[in-house]
């Protein structure tokens, strides 16, 4: 099972992607099928498609991290964010981060953050495409390296919070 993460962009149109790629017959396959079969209010997983009736391979379950706040937010999730995730998966296959033979034997879960304040469909698309491709590449390379994690342990920060005091 390969686990990846990537944050691309800034402001309300940034993308944050977490990926889990694994064999259909293993824990990833069980999690994929369970998530698809057990949606919750505001979080309805769906299969990512490159266009209607053309799902990306490996079969990718798009899971929202933020429930649609309104119709516009929902359209950004189901439209450009989904298209970006699907294209990013295809990019990862083309780049070799996901070997072609694995596209029929593995499944992918993509947990996707689309900010309720997002306001630019093209930027949402580009950021989700790049974040998905990067998360999958990071998972294939087992990134981050533990040295990078340990080097940053006393200076954590993210786009939503930076501590005033450092450890």
Protein backbone atom coordinates (compact mmCIF):
# COMPACT_ATOMS: atom_id res chain seq x y z
CA UNK A 1 0.00 0.00 0.00
CA UNK A 2 1.39 3.38 -0.99
CA UNK A 3 0.30 6.53 0.85
CA UNK A 4 0.94 9.99 -0.55
CA UNK A 5 0.25 13.64 0.28
CA UNK A 6 0.57 16.94 -1.53
CA UNK A 7 -0.52 20.55 -1.08
CA UNK A 8 -0.39 22.75 -4.20
CA UNK A 9 -1.31 26.39 -4.65
CA UNK A 10 -2.22 29.12 -2.24
CA UNK A 11 -5.26 30.85 -0.95
CA UNK A 12 -8.80 29.60 -1.45
CA UNK A 13 -8.01 27.71 -4.68
CA UNK A 14 -5.21 25.59 -3.22
CA UNK A 15 -5.51 21.80 -3.34
CA UNK A 16 -4.69 19.31 -0.60
CA UNK A 17 -4.69 15.66 -1.65
CA UNK A 18 -4.09 12.47 0.32
CA UNK A 19 -3.82 9.20 -1.60
CA UNK A 20 -3.95 5.52 -0.71
CA UNK A 21 -3.02 3.11 -3.52
CA UNK A 22 -3.17 -0.61 -3.00
CA UNK A 23 -4.21 -3.96 -4.39
CA UNK A 24 -7.92 -4.59 -4.89
CA UNK A 25 -7.64 -7.82 -2.90
CA UNK A 26 -6.01 -6.13 0.11
CA UNK A 27 -6.95 -3.57 2.75
CA UNK A 28 -7.08 -0.73 0.19
CA UNK A 29 -9.66 -2.66 -1.84
CA UNK A 30 -11.74 -3.30 1.26
CA UNK A 31 -11.55 0.37 2.29
CA UNK A 32 -12.43 1.47 -1.27
CA UNK A 33 -15.54 -0.72 -1.47
CA UNK A 34 -16.61 0.12 2.09
CA UNK A 35 -16.30 3.86 1.52
CA UNK A 36 -18.26 3.67 -1.73
CA UNK A 37 -21.03 1.65 -0.07
CA UNK A 38 -21.32 3.78 3.10
CA UNK A 39 -21.57 7.48 2.25
CA UNK A 40 -22.30 9.99 4.99
CA UNK A 41 -24.12 13.30 4.89
CA UNK A 42 -22.10 15.72 2.77
CA UNK A 43 -19.40 13.15 2.01
CA UNK A 44 -20.52 10.95 -0.86
CA UNK A 45 -17.52 9.16 -2.41
CA UNK A 46 -17.69 8.68 -6.17
CA UNK A 47 -15.57 7.21 -8.95
CA UNK A 48 -13.41 9.85 -10.66
CA UNK A 49 -13.89 10.03 -14.41
CA UNK A 50 -11.95 11.64 -17.24
CA UNK A 51 -15.30 12.11 -18.93
CA UNK A 52 -18.69 10.45 -18.46
CA UNK A 53 -18.39 6.65 -18.71
CA UNK A 54 -14.57 6.81 -18.82
CA UNK A 55 -13.26 6.28 -15.28
CA UNK A 56 -9.57 6.82 -14.75
CA UNK A 57 -7.47 3.74 -13.98
CA UNK A 58 -6.66 2.57 -11.48
CA UNK A 59 -10.26 3.01 -10.40
CA UNK A 60 -10.15 6.08 -8.18
CA UNK A 61 -12.56 6.86 -5.38
CA UNK A 62 -12.88 10.62 -4.87
CA UNK A 63 -13.64 11.39 -1.21
CA UNK A 64 -14.38 14.96 -0.19
CA UNK A 65 -12.76 16.38 2.93
CA UNK A 66 -15.22 19.29 3.01
CA UNK A 67 -18.95 18.85 2.56
CA UNK A 68 -20.35 21.07 -0.19
CA UNK A 69 -21.14 24.40 1.47
CA UNK A 70 -23.40 25.58 -1.37
CA UNK A 71 -24.15 24.84 -5.02
CA UNK A 72 -21.09 26.71 -6.31
CA UNK A 73 -18.79 24.82 -3.96
CA UNK A 74 -20.38 21.52 -4.97
CA UNK A 75 -19.82 22.31 -8.64
CA UNK A 76 -16.13 23.01 -7.96
CA UNK A 77 -15.83 19.65 -6.20
CA UNK A 78 -17.66 17.58 -8.83
CA UNK A 79 -16.33 19.54 -11.80
CA UNK A 80 -12.79 20.94 -11.83
CA UNK A 81 -11.51 19.17 -8.70
CA UNK A 82 -12.71 15.79 -9.95
CA UNK A 83 -11.32 16.45 -13.44
CA UNK A 84 -8.01 17.49 -11.89
CA UNK A 85 -7.81 14.36 -9.76
CA UNK A 86 -8.63 12.10 -12.73
CA UNK A 87 -6.07 13.83 -14.95
CA UNK A 88 -3.47 13.73 -12.16
CA UNK A 89 -3.95 9.97 -11.80
CA UNK A 90 -3.50 9.53 -15.56
CA UNK A 91 -0.39 11.75 -15.37
CA UNK A 92 1.01 9.51 -12.62
CA UNK A 93 0.45 6.42 -14.76
CA UNK A 94 2.07 8.11 -17.78
CA UNK A 95 5.06 9.12 -15.61
CA UNK A 96 5.47 5.61 -14.17
CA UNK A 97 4.57 6.50 -10.57
CA UNK A 98 1.83 3.90 -10.99
CA UNK A 99 3.01 0.99 -13.17
CA UNK A 100 0.58 0.27 -16.03
CA UNK A 101 -0.02 -3.36 -14.94
CA UNK A 102 -1.21 -2.03 -11.54
CA UNK A 103 -4.00 -0.03 -13.19
CA UNK A 104 -6.13 -3.17 -13.41
CA UNK A 105 -5.17 -4.78 -10.10
CA UNK A 106 -5.08 -1.79 -7.75
CA UNK A 107 -7.51 0.84 -6.49
CA UNK A 108 -6.89 4.39 -5.41
CA UNK A 109 -8.57 6.49 -2.75
CA UNK A 110 -8.09 10.24 -3.11
CA UNK A 111 -9.14 12.42 -0.19
CA UNK A 112 -9.63 15.88 -1.65
CA UNK A 113 -9.90 19.31 0.00
CA UNK A 114 -11.71 22.02 -1.93
CA UNK A 115 -12.03 25.19 0.13
CA UNK A 116 -15.64 26.39 0.42
CA UNK A 117 -14.33 29.83 -0.59
CA UNK A 118 -12.74 28.59 -3.83
CA UNK A 119 -13.63 30.85 -6.72
CA UNK A 120 -11.58 29.96 -9.81
CA UNK A 121 -12.48 26.71 -11.55
CA UNK A 122 -9.38 26.62 -13.77
CA UNK A 123 -7.04 27.14 -10.81
CA UNK A 124 -8.90 24.50 -8.77
CA UNK A 125 -8.46 22.10 -11.72
CA UNK A 126 -4.73 22.82 -12.19
CA UNK A 127 -3.95 22.63 -8.47
CA UNK A 128 -5.83 19.35 -7.98
CA UNK A 129 -4.19 17.82 -11.05
CA UNK A 130 -0.71 18.72 -9.82
CA UNK A 131 -1.43 17.80 -6.19
CA UNK A 132 -2.76 14.37 -7.23
CA UNK A 133 0.19 13.65 -9.53
CA UNK A 134 2.61 14.80 -6.81
CA UNK A 135 0.91 12.82 -4.00
CA UNK A 136 1.13 9.65 -6.10
CA UNK A 137 4.77 10.30 -6.98
CA UNK A 138 5.52 10.94 -3.29
CA UNK A 139 3.80 7.68 -2.32
CA UNK A 140 5.76 5.74 -4.94
CA UNK A 141 9.02 7.19 -3.54
CA UNK A 142 8.00 6.73 0.13
CA UNK A 143 8.32 10.46 0.72
CA UNK A 144 8.88 12.38 2.82
CA UNK A 145 12.25 11.12 3.98
CA UNK A 146 12.43 10.68 7.75
CA UNK A 147 15.33 13.17 7.86
CA UNK A 148 13.03 15.90 6.49
CA UNK A 149 10.37 15.01 9.07
CA UNK A 150 12.83 15.16 11.96
CA UNK A 151 14.37 18.41 10.67
CA UNK A 152 10.93 20.08 10.71
CA UNK A 153 9.66 18.70 14.02
CA UNK A 154 10.36 21.90 15.97
CA UNK A 155 9.08 24.31 13.30
CA UNK A 156 5.70 22.99 12.16
CA UNK A 157 3.49 25.23 10.03
CA UNK A 158 0.78 25.01 7.40
CA UNK A 159 -1.30 27.48 5.41
CA UNK A 160 -3.80 27.69 8.26
CA UNK A 161 -1.52 27.94 11.30
CA UNK A 162 2.04 28.74 12.33
CA UNK A 163 2.84 28.63 16.04
CA UNK A 164 4.03 31.92 17.56
CA UNK A 165 6.42 30.02 19.78
CA UNK A 166 8.85 27.45 18.47
CA UNK A 167 9.76 24.39 20.50
